[in-house]
């Protein structure tokens, strides 16, 4: 068996890497990440009283189109501006970006800041637009 592993080291490494990538979303959620929600669940959450949609994209991306009633705080400024949204600590906060990667980082930062109901929009604004849901400009 050891000989097989040495002869096929690249395949073994590929197997381990692909397994780690498959487990990464679950591991990051247990490590303080947020729950991921699709567009349907995000719409339901947005309709709850006091819910916040937080867009963490850059200024130009936000200006090109964003979810209705979204509040804009770029990811790079979030830790310094978290006080602006402190009143939402106990309310649903749906975080979005272009594809869902930056919003994952923002969700972790919000959880660390004491926010209790943080949700990451799966697929970001791209998934929202693809579902033909309204976008504000």
C-alpha atoms as a PDB file:
ATOM      1  CA  UNK A   1       0.000   0.000   0.000  1.00  0.00           C
ATOM      2  CA  UNK A   2       2.844   2.395   0.840  1.00  0.00           C
ATOM      3  CA  UNK A   3       4.329   1.769  -2.599  1.00  0.00           C
ATOM      4  CA  UNK A   4       1.023   2.637  -4.263  1.00  0.00           C
ATOM      5  CA  UNK A   5       0.839   5.920  -2.323  1.00  0.00           C
ATOM      6  CA  UNK A   6       4.380   6.868  -3.321  1.00  0.00           C
ATOM      7  CA  UNK A   7       3.834   5.910  -6.961  1.00  0.00           C
ATOM      8  CA  UNK A   8       0.637   7.947  -7.123  1.00  0.00           C
ATOM      9  CA  UNK A   9       1.545  10.882  -4.894  1.00  0.00           C
ATOM     10  CA  UNK A  10      -0.094  13.440  -7.197  1.00  0.00           C
ATOM     11  CA  UNK A  11      -3.374  11.530  -7.206  1.00  0.00           C
ATOM     12  CA  UNK A  12      -3.311  11.138  -3.427  1.00  0.00           C
ATOM     13  CA  UNK A  13      -2.654  14.874  -3.001  1.00  0.00           C
ATOM     14  CA  UNK A  14      -5.497  15.673  -5.403  1.00  0.00           C
ATOM     15  CA  UNK A  15      -7.826  13.354  -3.469  1.00  0.00           C
ATOM     16  CA  UNK A  16      -6.975  15.000  -0.139  1.00  0.00           C
ATOM     17  CA  UNK A  17      -7.286  18.533  -1.565  1.00  0.00           C
ATOM     18  CA  UNK A  18     -10.674  17.852  -3.157  1.00  0.00           C
ATOM     19  CA  UNK A  19     -11.966  16.338   0.078  1.00  0.00           C
ATOM     20  CA  UNK A  20     -10.819  19.385   2.034  1.00  0.00           C
ATOM     21  CA  UNK A  21     -12.531  21.729  -0.435  1.00  0.00           C
ATOM     22  CA  UNK A  22     -15.764  19.781  -0.128  1.00  0.00           C
ATOM     23  CA  UNK A  23     -15.668  20.044   3.658  1.00  0.00           C
ATOM     24  CA  UNK A  24     -14.568  23.700   3.810  1.00  0.00           C
ATOM     25  CA  UNK A  25     -18.058  25.314   3.781  1.00  0.00           C
ATOM     26  CA  UNK A  26     -19.220  23.152   6.676  1.00  0.00           C
ATOM     27  CA  UNK A  27     -16.029  23.678   8.649  1.00  0.00           C
ATOM     28  CA  UNK A  28     -16.135  27.455   8.210  1.00  0.00           C
ATOM     29  CA  UNK A  29     -19.735  27.555   9.399  1.00  0.00           C
ATOM     30  CA  UNK A  30     -18.780  25.739  12.606  1.00  0.00           C
ATOM     31  CA  UNK A  31     -15.789  28.061  13.032  1.00  0.00           C
ATOM     32  CA  UNK A  32     -17.993  31.111  13.448  1.00  0.00           C
ATOM     33  CA  UNK A  33     -19.283  31.639   9.940  1.00  0.00           C
ATOM     34  CA  UNK A  34     -22.876  32.417   9.121  1.00  0.00           C
ATOM     35  CA  UNK A  35     -25.712  30.388   7.750  1.00  0.00           C
ATOM     36  CA  UNK A  36     -25.988  30.523   3.976  1.00  0.00           C
ATOM     37  CA  UNK A  37     -29.394  31.312   2.535  1.00  0.00           C
ATOM     38  CA  UNK A  38     -30.738  31.209  -0.984  1.00  0.00           C
ATOM     39  CA  UNK A  39     -32.745  33.956  -2.624  1.00  0.00           C
ATOM     40  CA  UNK A  40     -36.111  32.623  -1.419  1.00  0.00           C
ATOM     41  CA  UNK A  41     -35.045  32.436   2.234  1.00  0.00           C
ATOM     42  CA  UNK A  42     -33.310  35.827   1.944  1.00  0.00           C
ATOM     43  CA  UNK A  43     -36.557  37.363   0.679  1.00  0.00           C
ATOM     44  CA  UNK A  44     -38.418  35.909   3.654  1.00  0.00           C
ATOM     45  CA  UNK A  45     -35.817  37.270   6.064  1.00  0.00           C
ATOM     46  CA  UNK A  46     -35.860  40.697   4.392  1.00  0.00           C
ATOM     47  CA  UNK A  47     -39.579  40.939   5.065  1.00  0.00           C
ATOM     48  CA  UNK A  48     -39.109  40.529   8.817  1.00  0.00           C
ATOM     49  CA  UNK A  49     -39.384  43.742  10.849  1.00  0.00           C
ATOM     50  CA  UNK A  50     -36.021  45.357  11.463  1.00  0.00           C
ATOM     51  CA  UNK A  51     -34.049  43.166   9.047  1.00  0.00           C
ATOM     52  CA  UNK A  52     -30.949  44.591   7.384  1.00  0.00           C
ATOM     53  CA  UNK A  53     -29.474  43.839   3.982  1.00  0.00           C
ATOM     54  CA  UNK A  54     -25.776  44.690   4.053  1.00  0.00           C
ATOM     55  CA  UNK A  55     -23.856  44.967   0.780  1.00  0.00           C
ATOM     56  CA  UNK A  56     -20.084  44.751   1.271  1.00  0.00           C
ATOM     57  CA  UNK A  57     -19.013  45.335  -2.342  1.00  0.00           C
ATOM     58  CA  UNK A  58     -16.983  48.319  -3.510  1.00  0.00           C
ATOM     59  CA  UNK A  59     -18.647  51.638  -4.396  1.00  0.00           C
ATOM     60  CA  UNK A  60     -18.779  51.105  -8.178  1.00  0.00           C
ATOM     61  CA  UNK A  61     -20.230  47.614  -7.810  1.00  0.00           C
ATOM     62  CA  UNK A  62     -22.916  48.870  -5.420  1.00  0.00           C
ATOM     63  CA  UNK A  63     -23.805  51.757  -7.757  1.00  0.00           C
ATOM     64  CA  UNK A  64     -24.248  49.314 -10.661  1.00  0.00           C
ATOM     65  CA  UNK A  65     -27.113  47.590  -8.810  1.00  0.00           C
ATOM     66  CA  UNK A  66     -27.954  46.220  -5.382  1.00  0.00           C
ATOM     67  CA  UNK A  67     -30.714  44.484  -3.448  1.00  0.00           C
ATOM     68  CA  UNK A  68     -33.663  46.665  -2.435  1.00  0.00           C
ATOM     69  CA  UNK A  69     -33.074  48.769   0.699  1.00  0.00           C
ATOM     70  CA  UNK A  70     -29.490  47.497   0.992  1.00  0.00           C
ATOM     71  CA  UNK A  71     -27.084  49.368   3.219  1.00  0.00           C
ATOM     72  CA  UNK A  72     -23.617  49.792   1.751  1.00  0.00           C
ATOM     73  CA  UNK A  73     -20.454  49.306   3.800  1.00  0.00           C
ATOM     74  CA  UNK A  74     -17.462  48.003   1.808  1.00  0.00           C
ATOM     75  CA  UNK A  75     -15.750  44.993   3.384  1.00  0.00           C
ATOM     76  CA  UNK A  76     -12.521  46.921   3.956  1.00  0.00           C
ATOM     77  CA  UNK A  77     -14.389  49.479   6.071  1.00  0.00           C
ATOM     78  CA  UNK A  78     -16.686  47.111   7.950  1.00  0.00           C
ATOM     79  CA  UNK A  79     -14.754  46.701  11.198  1.00  0.00           C
ATOM     80  CA  UNK A  80     -14.391  50.477  11.562  1.00  0.00           C
ATOM     81  CA  UNK A  81     -18.041  51.176  10.752  1.00  0.00           C
ATOM     82  CA  UNK A  82     -19.759  48.301  12.570  1.00  0.00           C
ATOM     83  CA  UNK A  83     -21.101  50.822  15.105  1.00  0.00           C
ATOM     84  CA  UNK A  84     -23.345  52.286  12.368  1.00  0.00           C
ATOM     85  CA  UNK A  85     -25.344  49.068  12.293  1.00  0.00           C
ATOM     86  CA  UNK A  86     -25.115  48.112  15.967  1.00  0.00           C
ATOM     87  CA  UNK A  87     -28.882  48.435  16.402  1.00  0.00           C
ATOM     88  CA  UNK A  88     -29.262  45.342  14.195  1.00  0.00           C
ATOM     89  CA  UNK A  89     -27.260  43.031  16.511  1.00  0.00           C
ATOM     90  CA  UNK A  90     -30.386  41.055  17.458  1.00  0.00           C
ATOM     91  CA  UNK A  91     -32.108  41.340  14.050  1.00  0.00           C
ATOM     92  CA  UNK A  92     -31.643  39.348  10.836  1.00  0.00           C
ATOM     93  CA  UNK A  93     -28.688  40.662   8.812  1.00  0.00           C
ATOM     94  CA  UNK A  94     -28.413  39.365   5.239  1.00  0.00           C
ATOM     95  CA  UNK A  95     -24.913  40.028   3.901  1.00  0.00           C
ATOM     96  CA  UNK A  96     -24.234  40.091   0.187  1.00  0.00           C
ATOM     97  CA  UNK A  97     -21.465  40.743  -2.313  1.00  0.00           C
ATOM     98  CA  UNK A  98     -20.950  39.824  -5.960  1.00  0.00           C
ATOM     99  CA  UNK A  99     -20.612  36.058  -5.531  1.00  0.00           C
ATOM    100  CA  UNK A 100     -20.683  35.248  -1.813  1.00  0.00           C
ATOM    101  CA  UNK A 101     -16.955  35.164  -0.988  1.00  0.00           C
ATOM    102  CA  UNK A 102     -16.474  38.644   0.511  1.00  0.00           C
ATOM    103  CA  UNK A 103     -19.784  38.401   2.313  1.00  0.00           C
ATOM    104  CA  UNK A 104     -18.530  35.247   4.053  1.00  0.00           C
ATOM    105  CA  UNK A 105     -15.663  37.256   5.531  1.00  0.00           C
ATOM    106  CA  UNK A 106     -18.077  40.015   6.507  1.00  0.00           C
ATOM    107  CA  UNK A 107     -20.350  37.493   8.221  1.00  0.00           C
ATOM    108  CA  UNK A 108     -17.466  36.241  10.350  1.00  0.00           C
ATOM    109  CA  UNK A 109     -16.580  39.828  11.309  1.00  0.00           C
ATOM    110  CA  UNK A 110     -20.198  40.552  12.277  1.00  0.00           C
ATOM    111  CA  UNK A 111     -20.436  37.371  14.337  1.00  0.00           C
ATOM    112  CA  UNK A 112     -17.228  38.351  16.139  1.00  0.00           C
ATOM    113  CA  UNK A 113     -18.767  41.786  16.799  1.00  0.00           C
ATOM    114  CA  UNK A 114     -21.743  40.168  18.555  1.00  0.00           C
ATOM    115  CA  UNK A 115     -24.371  39.985  15.802  1.00  0.00           C
ATOM    116  CA  UNK A 116     -26.597  36.977  16.426  1.00  0.00           C
ATOM    117  CA  UNK A 117     -28.622  36.468  13.227  1.00  0.00           C
ATOM    118  CA  UNK A 118     -26.165  36.752  10.328  1.00  0.00           C
ATOM    119  CA  UNK A 119     -26.914  35.183   6.947  1.00  0.00           C
ATOM    120  CA  UNK A 120     -24.754  34.980   3.828  1.00  0.00           C
ATOM    121  CA  UNK A 121     -26.645  35.222   0.528  1.00  0.00           C
ATOM    122  CA  UNK A 122     -25.541  32.194  -1.523  1.00  0.00           C
ATOM    123  CA  UNK A 123     -24.306  33.326  -4.918  1.00  0.00           C
ATOM    124  CA  UNK A 124     -24.529  36.993  -3.965  1.00  0.00           C
ATOM    125  CA  UNK A 125     -26.044  39.648  -6.189  1.00  0.00           C
ATOM    126  CA  UNK A 126     -25.394  37.422  -9.201  1.00  0.00           C
ATOM    127  CA  UNK A 127     -27.769  34.757  -7.887  1.00  0.00           C
ATOM    128  CA  UNK A 128     -30.286  37.460  -6.938  1.00  0.00           C
ATOM    129  CA  UNK A 129     -30.265  38.886 -10.483  1.00  0.00           C
ATOM    130  CA  UNK A 130     -30.372  35.430 -12.048  1.00  0.00           C
ATOM    131  CA  UNK A 131     -33.554  34.729 -10.057  1.00  0.00           C
ATOM    132  CA  UNK A 132     -35.072  37.853 -11.685  1.00  0.00           C
ATOM    133  CA  UNK A 133     -35.539  39.554  -8.332  1.00  0.00           C
ATOM    134  CA  UNK A 134     -35.624  43.356  -8.153  1.00  0.00           C
ATOM    135  CA  UNK A 135     -32.396  45.352  -8.174  1.00  0.00           C
ATOM    136  CA  UNK A 136     -32.100  49.032  -7.254  1.00  0.00           C
ATOM    137  CA  UNK A 137     -29.636  51.408  -8.889  1.00  0.00           C
END
